[in-house]
Amino acid sequence: MADPFPYLEGDHDVYFTDDMTAVKPLNHSHDLPPPGKKGRTYICSCMIYMRPTDGAKLVMKKWIEELQDQPWSSVKKSNDQPPLTGH
């Protein structure tokens, strides 16, 4: 593990981990990662950094709404990743 803060460049509301690449250089693109084979981005909920902005709060609000719609039960195991990434 290394300090992630040198990678958090710019003035973005939310920073996500790209789940499909090796560690990127400090001068990497800050665009969303390209979609994978199924047309999904591979944003990981394992490391998220949010600033206290309206945009970040909206992301959290929508994520919570999606989580509340998930079928949580002992039979149907669910987690936070699908509501965040649409998987």
PDB file of N, CA and C in Angstrom:
ATOM      1  N   MET A   1       0.839  -1.165   0.000  1.00  0.00           N
ATOM      2  CA  MET A   1       0.000   0.000   0.000  1.00  0.00           C
ATOM      3  C   MET A   1       0.888   1.233   0.000  1.00  0.00           C
ATOM      4  N   ALA A   2       0.438   2.216  -0.735  1.00  0.00           N
ATOM      5  CA  ALA A   2       1.157   3.488  -0.794  1.00  0.00           C
ATOM      6  C   ALA A   2       0.177   4.625  -0.534  1.00  0.00           C
ATOM      7  N   ASP A   3       0.698   5.765  -0.268  1.00  0.00           N
ATOM      8  CA  ASP A   3      -0.107   6.950  -0.026  1.00  0.00           C
ATOM      9  C   ASP A   3      -0.882   7.302  -1.295  1.00  0.00           C
ATOM     10  N   PRO A   4      -2.224   7.309  -1.275  1.00  0.00           N
ATOM     11  CA  PRO A   4      -2.986   7.597  -2.496  1.00  0.00           C
ATOM     12  C   PRO A   4      -3.084   9.087  -2.821  1.00  0.00           C
ATOM     13  N   PHE A   5      -2.799   9.960  -1.863  1.00  0.00           N
ATOM     14  CA  PHE A   5      -3.055  11.377  -2.068  1.00  0.00           C
ATOM     15  C   PHE A   5      -2.262  12.019  -3.210  1.00  0.00           C
ATOM     16  N   PRO A   6      -1.042  11.576  -3.519  1.00  0.00           N
ATOM     17  CA  PRO A   6      -0.375  12.168  -4.686  1.00  0.00           C
ATOM     18  C   PRO A   6      -1.136  11.929  -5.998  1.00  0.00           C
ATOM     19  N   TYR A   7      -1.980  10.901  -6.035  1.00  0.00           N
ATOM     20  CA  TYR A   7      -2.744  10.578  -7.241  1.00  0.00           C
ATOM     21  C   TYR A   7      -4.033  11.392  -7.356  1.00  0.00           C
ATOM     22  N   LEU A   8      -4.457  12.022  -6.291  1.00  0.00           N
ATOM     23  CA  LEU A   8      -5.730  12.747  -6.283  1.00  0.00           C
ATOM     24  C   LEU A   8      -5.513  14.184  -6.743  1.00  0.00           C
ATOM     25  N   GLU A   9      -5.276  14.315  -8.021  1.00  0.00           N
ATOM     26  CA  GLU A   9      -5.008  15.628  -8.602  1.00  0.00           C
ATOM     27  C   GLU A   9      -6.305  16.284  -9.040  1.00  0.00           C
ATOM     28  N   GLY A  10      -6.289  17.584  -9.137  1.00  0.00           N
ATOM     29  CA  GLY A  10      -7.457  18.307  -9.622  1.00  0.00           C
ATOM     30  C   GLY A  10      -8.412  18.660  -8.503  1.00  0.00           C
ATOM     31  N   ASP A  11      -9.557  19.136  -8.900  1.00  0.00           N
ATOM     32  CA  ASP A  11     -10.561  19.592  -7.945  1.00  0.00           C
ATOM     33  C   ASP A  11     -11.856  18.822  -8.183  1.00  0.00           C
ATOM     34  N   HIS A  12     -11.769  17.516  -8.183  1.00  0.00           N
ATOM     35  CA  HIS A  12     -12.930  16.665  -8.450  1.00  0.00           C
ATOM     36  C   HIS A  12     -13.732  16.452  -7.173  1.00  0.00           C
ATOM     37  N   ASP A  13     -15.015  16.184  -7.327  1.00  0.00           N
ATOM     38  CA  ASP A  13     -15.877  15.899  -6.178  1.00  0.00           C
ATOM     39  C   ASP A  13     -15.593  14.524  -5.589  1.00  0.00           C
ATOM     40  N   VAL A  14     -15.378  13.545  -6.480  1.00  0.00           N
ATOM     41  CA  VAL A  14     -15.224  12.148  -6.061  1.00  0.00           C
ATOM     42  C   VAL A  14     -14.056  11.519  -6.819  1.00  0.00           C
ATOM     43  N   TYR A  15     -13.277  10.706  -6.127  1.00  0.00           N
ATOM     44  CA  TYR A  15     -12.192   9.938  -6.722  1.00  0.00           C
ATOM     45  C   TYR A  15     -12.472   8.461  -6.457  1.00  0.00           C
ATOM     46  N   PHE A  16     -12.419   7.661  -7.509  1.00  0.00           N
ATOM     47  CA  PHE A  16     -12.644   6.216  -7.408  1.00  0.00           C
ATOM     48  C   PHE A  16     -11.393   5.457  -7.799  1.00  0.00           C
ATOM     49  N   THR A  17     -11.334   4.211  -7.402  1.00  0.00           N
ATOM     50  CA  THR A  17     -10.270   3.318  -7.822  1.00  0.00           C
ATOM     51  C   THR A  17     -10.689   2.629  -9.111  1.00  0.00           C
ATOM     52  N   ASP A  18      -9.779   2.570 -10.074  1.00  0.00           N
ATOM     53  CA  ASP A  18      -9.979   1.802 -11.305  1.00  0.00           C
ATOM     54  C   ASP A  18      -9.597   0.366 -10.977  1.00  0.00           C
ATOM     55  N   ASP A  19     -10.559  -0.526 -11.042  1.00  0.00           N
ATOM     56  CA  ASP A  19     -10.371  -1.911 -10.603  1.00  0.00           C
ATOM     57  C   ASP A  19      -9.669  -2.794 -11.625  1.00  0.00           C
ATOM     58  N   MET A  20      -9.358  -2.279 -12.787  1.00  0.00           N
ATOM     59  CA  MET A  20      -8.834  -3.150 -13.839  1.00  0.00           C
ATOM     60  C   MET A  20      -7.404  -2.839 -14.279  1.00  0.00           C
ATOM     61  N   THR A  21      -6.720  -1.965 -13.599  1.00  0.00           N
ATOM     62  CA  THR A  21      -5.360  -1.644 -14.059  1.00  0.00           C
ATOM     63  C   THR A  21      -4.365  -1.766 -12.924  1.00  0.00           C
ATOM     64  N   ALA A  22      -3.142  -1.865 -13.317  1.00  0.00           N
ATOM     65  CA  ALA A  22      -2.056  -1.814 -12.336  1.00  0.00           C
ATOM     66  C   ALA A  22      -1.936  -0.367 -11.859  1.00  0.00           C
ATOM     67  N   VAL A  23      -1.071  -0.123 -10.923  1.00  0.00           N
ATOM     68  CA  VAL A  23      -0.859   1.237 -10.423  1.00  0.00           C
ATOM     69  C   VAL A  23      -0.454   2.128 -11.591  1.00  0.00           C
ATOM     70  N   LYS A  24      -1.113   3.266 -11.696  1.00  0.00           N
ATOM     71  CA  LYS A  24      -0.854   4.181 -12.802  1.00  0.00           C
ATOM     72  C   LYS A  24       0.216   5.197 -12.392  1.00  0.00           C
ATOM     73  N   PRO A  25       0.891   5.762 -13.375  1.00  0.00           N
ATOM     74  CA  PRO A  25       1.864   6.807 -13.042  1.00  0.00           C
ATOM     75  C   PRO A  25       1.134   8.065 -12.566  1.00  0.00           C
ATOM     76  N   LEU A  26       1.837   8.951 -11.914  1.00  0.00           N
ATOM     77  CA  LEU A  26       1.212  10.169 -11.392  1.00  0.00           C
ATOM     78  C   LEU A  26       0.627  11.044 -12.493  1.00  0.00           C
ATOM     79  N   ASN A  27       1.129  10.947 -13.714  1.00  0.00           N
ATOM     80  CA  ASN A  27       0.630  11.789 -14.796  1.00  0.00           C
ATOM     81  C   ASN A  27      -0.456  11.097 -15.639  1.00  0.00           C
ATOM     82  N   HIS A  28      -1.150  10.125 -15.083  1.00  0.00           N
ATOM     83  CA  HIS A  28      -2.188   9.400 -15.826  1.00  0.00           C
ATOM     84  C   HIS A  28      -3.411  10.285 -16.081  1.00  0.00           C
ATOM     85  N   SER A  29      -4.239   9.856 -17.017  1.00  0.00           N
ATOM     86  CA  SER A  29      -5.494  10.544 -17.315  1.00  0.00           C
ATOM     87  C   SER A  29      -6.442  10.401 -16.127  1.00  0.00           C
ATOM     88  N   HIS A  30      -7.219  11.417 -15.878  1.00  0.00           N
ATOM     89  CA  HIS A  30      -8.199  11.364 -14.800  1.00  0.00           C
ATOM     90  C   HIS A  30      -9.604  11.131 -15.326  1.00  0.00           C
ATOM     91  N   ASP A  31      -9.715  10.732 -16.579  1.00  0.00           N
ATOM     92  CA  ASP A  31     -11.007  10.379 -17.152  1.00  0.00           C
ATOM     93  C   ASP A  31     -11.468   9.046 -16.571  1.00  0.00           C
ATOM     94  N   LEU A  32     -12.765   8.766 -16.688  1.00  0.00           N
ATOM     95  CA  LEU A  32     -13.254   7.457 -16.261  1.00  0.00           C
ATOM     96  C   LEU A  32     -12.553   6.380 -17.072  1.00  0.00           C
ATOM     97  N   PRO A  33     -12.309   5.222 -16.467  1.00  0.00           N
ATOM     98  CA  PRO A  33     -11.681   4.144 -17.237  1.00  0.00           C
ATOM     99  C   PRO A  33     -12.602   3.713 -18.366  1.00  0.00           C
ATOM    100  N   PRO A  34     -12.032   3.215 -19.463  1.00  0.00           N
ATOM    101  CA  PRO A  34     -12.887   2.764 -20.564  1.00  0.00           C
ATOM    102  C   PRO A  34     -13.720   1.561 -20.135  1.00  0.00           C
ATOM    103  N   PRO A  35     -14.897   1.412 -20.719  1.00  0.00           N
ATOM    104  CA  PRO A  35     -15.739   0.259 -20.377  1.00  0.00           C
ATOM    105  C   PRO A  35     -15.060  -1.053 -20.733  1.00  0.00           C
ATOM    106  N   GLY A  36     -15.400  -2.083 -19.981  1.00  0.00           N
ATOM    107  CA  GLY A  36     -14.873  -3.412 -20.251  1.00  0.00           C
ATOM    108  C   GLY A  36     -15.693  -4.126 -21.310  1.00  0.00           C
ATOM    109  N   LYS A  37     -15.539  -5.433 -21.396  1.00  0.00           N
ATOM    110  CA  LYS A  37     -16.193  -6.245 -22.426  1.00  0.00           C
ATOM    111  C   LYS A  37     -17.720  -6.151 -22.388  1.00  0.00           C
ATOM    112  N   LYS A  38     -18.277  -5.976 -21.205  1.00  0.00           N
ATOM    113  CA  LYS A  38     -19.733  -5.916 -21.072  1.00  0.00           C
ATOM    114  C   LYS A  38     -20.246  -4.475 -21.049  1.00  0.00           C
ATOM    115  N   GLY A  39     -19.390  -3.520 -21.405  1.00  0.00           N
ATOM    116  CA  GLY A  39     -19.803  -2.131 -21.471  1.00  0.00           C
ATOM    117  C   GLY A  39     -19.843  -1.414 -20.138  1.00  0.00           C
ATOM    118  N   ARG A  40     -19.264  -2.014 -19.099  1.00  0.00           N
ATOM    119  CA  ARG A  40     -19.263  -1.418 -17.766  1.00  0.00           C
ATOM    120  C   ARG A  40     -17.893  -0.837 -17.439  1.00  0.00           C
ATOM    121  N   THR A  41     -17.909   0.241 -16.686  1.00  0.00           N
ATOM    122  CA  THR A  41     -16.640   0.712 -16.158  1.00  0.00           C
ATOM    123  C   THR A  41     -16.308  -0.117 -14.928  1.00  0.00           C
ATOM    124  N   TYR A  42     -15.054  -0.206 -14.615  1.00  0.00           N
ATOM    125  CA  TYR A  42     -14.625  -1.004 -13.472  1.00  0.00           C
ATOM    126  C   TYR A  42     -14.209  -0.093 -12.330  1.00  0.00           C
ATOM    127  N   ILE A  43     -15.186   0.650 -11.831  1.00  0.00           N
ATOM    128  CA  ILE A  43     -14.968   1.491 -10.667  1.00  0.00           C
ATOM    129  C   ILE A  43     -15.112   0.602  -9.447  1.00  0.00           C
ATOM    130  N   CYS A  44     -14.165   0.685  -8.552  1.00  0.00           N
ATOM    131  CA  CYS A  44     -14.173  -0.160  -7.363  1.00  0.00           C
ATOM    132  C   CYS A  44     -14.577   0.667  -6.147  1.00  0.00           C
ATOM    133  N   SER A  45     -15.381   0.068  -5.282  1.00  0.00           N
ATOM    134  CA  SER A  45     -15.800   0.768  -4.062  1.00  0.00           C
ATOM    135  C   SER A  45     -14.830   0.526  -2.908  1.00  0.00           C
ATOM    136  N   CYS A  46     -13.690  -0.092  -3.200  1.00  0.00           N
ATOM    137  CA  CYS A  46     -12.729  -0.383  -2.132  1.00  0.00           C
ATOM    138  C   CYS A  46     -12.008   0.866  -1.640  1.00  0.00           C
ATOM    139  N   MET A  47     -11.856   1.871  -2.511  1.00  0.00           N
ATOM    140  CA  MET A  47     -11.221   3.118  -2.090  1.00  0.00           C
ATOM    141  C   MET A  47     -11.925   4.266  -2.799  1.00  0.00           C
ATOM    142  N   ILE A  48     -12.615   5.063  -2.023  1.00  0.00           N
ATOM    143  CA  ILE A  48     -13.305   6.231  -2.555  1.00  0.00           C
ATOM    144  C   ILE A  48     -12.906   7.428  -1.696  1.00  0.00           C
ATOM    145  N   TYR A  49     -12.586   8.523  -2.371  1.00  0.00           N
ATOM    146  CA  TYR A  49     -12.298   9.764  -1.656  1.00  0.00           C
ATOM    147  C   TYR A  49     -13.297  10.792  -2.143  1.00  0.00           C
ATOM    148  N   MET A  50     -14.009  11.413  -1.203  1.00  0.00           N
ATOM    149  CA  MET A  50     -15.020  12.405  -1.564  1.00  0.00           C
ATOM    150  C   MET A  50     -14.753  13.709  -0.838  1.00  0.00           C
ATOM    151  N   ARG A  51     -14.966  14.784  -1.559  1.00  0.00           N
ATOM    152  CA  ARG A  51     -14.911  16.102  -0.942  1.00  0.00           C
ATOM    153  C   ARG A  51     -16.337  16.443  -0.475  1.00  0.00           C
ATOM    154  N   PRO A  52     -16.497  17.299   0.510  1.00  0.00           N
ATOM    155  CA  PRO A  52     -17.839  17.634   1.002  1.00  0.00           C
ATOM    156  C   PRO A  52     -18.545  18.642   0.079  1.00  0.00           C
ATOM    157  N   THR A  53     -18.853  18.174  -1.144  1.00  0.00           N
ATOM    158  CA  THR A  53     -19.496  19.029  -2.138  1.00  0.00           C
ATOM    159  C   THR A  53     -20.894  18.517  -2.434  1.00  0.00           C
ATOM    160  N   ASP A  54     -21.696  19.342  -3.096  1.00  0.00           N
ATOM    161  CA  ASP A  54     -23.041  18.904  -3.484  1.00  0.00           C
ATOM    162  C   ASP A  54     -22.976  17.699  -4.420  1.00  0.00           C
ATOM    163  N   GLY A  55     -21.990  17.699  -5.338  1.00  0.00           N
ATOM    164  CA  GLY A  55     -21.852  16.577  -6.272  1.00  0.00           C
ATOM    165  C   GLY A  55     -21.551  15.268  -5.560  1.00  0.00           C
ATOM    166  N   ALA A  56     -20.624  15.296  -4.617  1.00  0.00           N
ATOM    167  CA  ALA A  56     -20.276  14.084  -3.862  1.00  0.00           C
ATOM    168  C   ALA A  56     -21.451  13.624  -3.007  1.00  0.00           C
ATOM    169  N   LYS A  57     -22.156  14.574  -2.423  1.00  0.00           N
ATOM    170  CA  LYS A  57     -23.333  14.209  -1.619  1.00  0.00           C
ATOM    171  C   LYS A  57     -24.413  13.580  -2.485  1.00  0.00           C
ATOM    172  N   LEU A  58     -24.554  14.052  -3.723  1.00  0.00           N
ATOM    173  CA  LEU A  58     -25.526  13.448  -4.636  1.00  0.00           C
ATOM    174  C   LEU A  58     -25.125  12.017  -4.987  1.00  0.00           C
ATOM    175  N   VAL A  59     -23.831  11.786  -5.209  1.00  0.00           N
ATOM    176  CA  VAL A  59     -23.354  10.420  -5.471  1.00  0.00           C
ATOM    177  C   VAL A  59     -23.729   9.510  -4.306  1.00  0.00           C
ATOM    178  N   MET A  60     -23.463   9.943  -3.081  1.00  0.00           N
ATOM    179  CA  MET A  60     -23.789   9.128  -1.903  1.00  0.00           C
ATOM    180  C   MET A  60     -25.293   8.903  -1.783  1.00  0.00           C
ATOM    181  N   LYS A  61     -26.087   9.938  -2.025  1.00  0.00           N
ATOM    182  CA  LYS A  61     -27.549   9.817  -1.940  1.00  0.00           C
ATOM    183  C   LYS A  61     -28.058   8.779  -2.935  1.00  0.00           C
ATOM    184  N   LYS A  62     -27.581   8.860  -4.170  1.00  0.00           N
ATOM    185  CA  LYS A  62     -28.020   7.907  -5.201  1.00  0.00           C
ATOM    186  C   LYS A  62     -27.534   6.495  -4.893  1.00  0.00           C
ATOM    187  N   TRP A  63     -26.321   6.378  -4.377  1.00  0.00           N
ATOM    188  CA  TRP A  63     -25.783   5.065  -4.024  1.00  0.00           C
ATOM    189  C   TRP A  63     -26.625   4.450  -2.903  1.00  0.00           C
ATOM    190  N   ILE A  64     -26.970   5.233  -1.911  1.00  0.00           N
ATOM    191  CA  ILE A  64     -27.813   4.742  -0.805  1.00  0.00           C
ATOM    192  C   ILE A  64     -29.173   4.297  -1.328  1.00  0.00           C
ATOM    193  N   GLU A  65     -29.754   5.074  -2.229  1.00  0.00           N
ATOM    194  CA  GLU A  65     -31.044   4.693  -2.813  1.00  0.00           C
ATOM    195  C   GLU A  65     -30.939   3.365  -3.545  1.00  0.00           C
ATOM    196  N   GLU A  66     -29.858   3.189  -4.301  1.00  0.00           N
ATOM    197  CA  GLU A  66     -29.650   1.920  -5.010  1.00  0.00           C
ATOM    198  C   GLU A  66     -29.448   0.761  -4.031  1.00  0.00           C
ATOM    199  N   LEU A  67     -28.710   0.994  -2.958  1.00  0.00           N
ATOM    200  CA  LEU A  67     -28.509  -0.045  -1.939  1.00  0.00           C
ATOM    201  C   LEU A  67     -29.824  -0.457  -1.293  1.00  0.00           C
ATOM    202  N   GLN A  68     -30.685   0.516  -1.031  1.00  0.00           N
ATOM    203  CA  GLN A  68     -31.967   0.222  -0.396  1.00  0.00           C
ATOM    204  C   GLN A  68     -32.871  -0.596  -1.301  1.00  0.00           C
ATOM    205  N   ASP A  69     -32.659  -0.515  -2.609  1.00  0.00           N
ATOM    206  CA  ASP A  69     -33.448  -1.294  -3.563  1.00  0.00           C
ATOM    207  C   ASP A  69     -32.914  -2.711  -3.757  1.00  0.00           C
ATOM    208  N   GLN A  70     -31.754  -3.022  -3.170  1.00  0.00           N
ATOM    209  CA  GLN A  70     -31.153  -4.347  -3.330  1.00  0.00           C
ATOM    210  C   GLN A  70     -31.888  -5.393  -2.491  1.00  0.00           C
ATOM    211  N   PRO A  71     -32.001  -6.595  -3.021  1.00  0.00           N
ATOM    212  CA  PRO A  71     -32.675  -7.676  -2.279  1.00  0.00           C
ATOM    213  C   PRO A  71     -31.750  -8.318  -1.246  1.00  0.00           C
ATOM    214  N   TRP A  72     -31.636  -7.724  -0.081  1.00  0.00           N
ATOM    215  CA  TRP A  72     -30.778  -8.250   0.972  1.00  0.00           C
ATOM    216  C   TRP A  72     -31.468  -9.408   1.667  1.00  0.00           C
ATOM    217  N   SER A  73     -30.867 -10.580   1.631  1.00  0.00           N
ATOM    218  CA  SER A  73     -31.388 -11.747   2.346  1.00  0.00           C
ATOM    219  C   SER A  73     -30.271 -12.770   2.505  1.00  0.00           C
ATOM    220  N   SER A  74     -30.527 -13.797   3.295  1.00  0.00           N
ATOM    221  CA  SER A  74     -29.520 -14.843   3.467  1.00  0.00           C
ATOM    222  C   SER A  74     -29.374 -15.687   2.205  1.00  0.00           C
ATOM    223  N   VAL A  75     -30.393 -15.675   1.360  1.00  0.00           N
ATOM    224  CA  VAL A  75     -30.344 -16.434   0.111  1.00  0.00           C
ATOM    225  C   VAL A  75     -29.681 -15.617  -1.000  1.00  0.00           C
ATOM    226  N   LYS A  76     -30.102 -14.390  -1.135  1.00  0.00           N
ATOM    227  CA  LYS A  76     -29.570 -13.504  -2.184  1.00  0.00           C
ATOM    228  C   LYS A  76     -28.551 -12.564  -1.558  1.00  0.00           C
ATOM    229  N   LYS A  77     -27.280 -12.937  -1.638  1.00  0.00           N
ATOM    230  CA  LYS A  77     -26.220 -12.112  -1.071  1.00  0.00           C
ATOM    231  C   LYS A  77     -25.986 -10.917  -1.991  1.00  0.00           C
ATOM    232  N   SER A  78     -25.982  -9.755  -1.431  1.00  0.00           N
ATOM    233  CA  SER A  78     -25.747  -8.556  -2.203  1.00  0.00           C
ATOM    234  C   SER A  78     -24.634  -7.761  -1.531  1.00  0.00           C
ATOM    235  N   ASN A  79     -24.114  -6.779  -2.216  1.00  0.00           N
ATOM    236  CA  ASN A  79     -23.071  -5.944  -1.623  1.00  0.00           C
ATOM    237  C   ASN A  79     -23.153  -4.545  -2.199  1.00  0.00           C
ATOM    238  N   ASP A  80     -22.218  -3.689  -1.810  1.00  0.00           N
ATOM    239  CA  ASP A  80     -22.268  -2.293  -2.230  1.00  0.00           C
ATOM    240  C   ASP A  80     -21.788  -2.053  -3.653  1.00  0.00           C
ATOM    241  N   GLN A  81     -21.058  -2.976  -4.242  1.00  0.00           N
ATOM    242  CA  GLN A  81     -20.472  -2.757  -5.556  1.00  0.00           C
ATOM    243  C   GLN A  81     -21.505  -2.618  -6.683  1.00  0.00           C
ATOM    244  N   PRO A  82     -22.457  -3.544  -6.837  1.00  0.00           N
ATOM    245  CA  PRO A  82     -23.391  -3.415  -7.957  1.00  0.00           C
ATOM    246  C   PRO A  82     -24.172  -2.096  -7.975  1.00  0.00           C
ATOM    247  N   PRO A  83     -24.681  -1.611  -6.852  1.00  0.00           N
ATOM    248  CA  PRO A  83     -25.392  -0.335  -6.906  1.00  0.00           C
ATOM    249  C   PRO A  83     -24.501   0.838  -7.318  1.00  0.00           C
ATOM    250  N   LEU A  84     -23.227   0.768  -7.010  1.00  0.00           N
ATOM    251  CA  LEU A  84     -22.311   1.856  -7.360  1.00  0.00           C
ATOM    252  C   LEU A  84     -21.947   1.814  -8.845  1.00  0.00           C
ATOM    253  N   THR A  85     -21.724   0.635  -9.368  1.00  0.00           N
ATOM    254  CA  THR A  85     -21.187   0.519 -10.725  1.00  0.00           C
ATOM    255  C   THR A  85     -22.189   0.028 -11.762  1.00  0.00           C
ATOM    256  N   GLY A  86     -23.361  -0.384 -11.316  1.00  0.00           N
ATOM    257  CA  GLY A  86     -24.348  -0.893 -12.254  1.00  0.00           C
ATOM    258  C   GLY A  86     -24.103  -2.327 -12.683  1.00  0.00           C
ATOM    259  N   HIS A  87     -23.233  -3.053 -11.972  1.00  0.00           N
ATOM    260  CA  HIS A  87     -22.957  -4.464 -12.283  1.00  0.00           C
ATOM    261  C   HIS A  87     -24.103  -5.335 -11.834  1.00  0.00           C
TER     262      HIS A  87
END
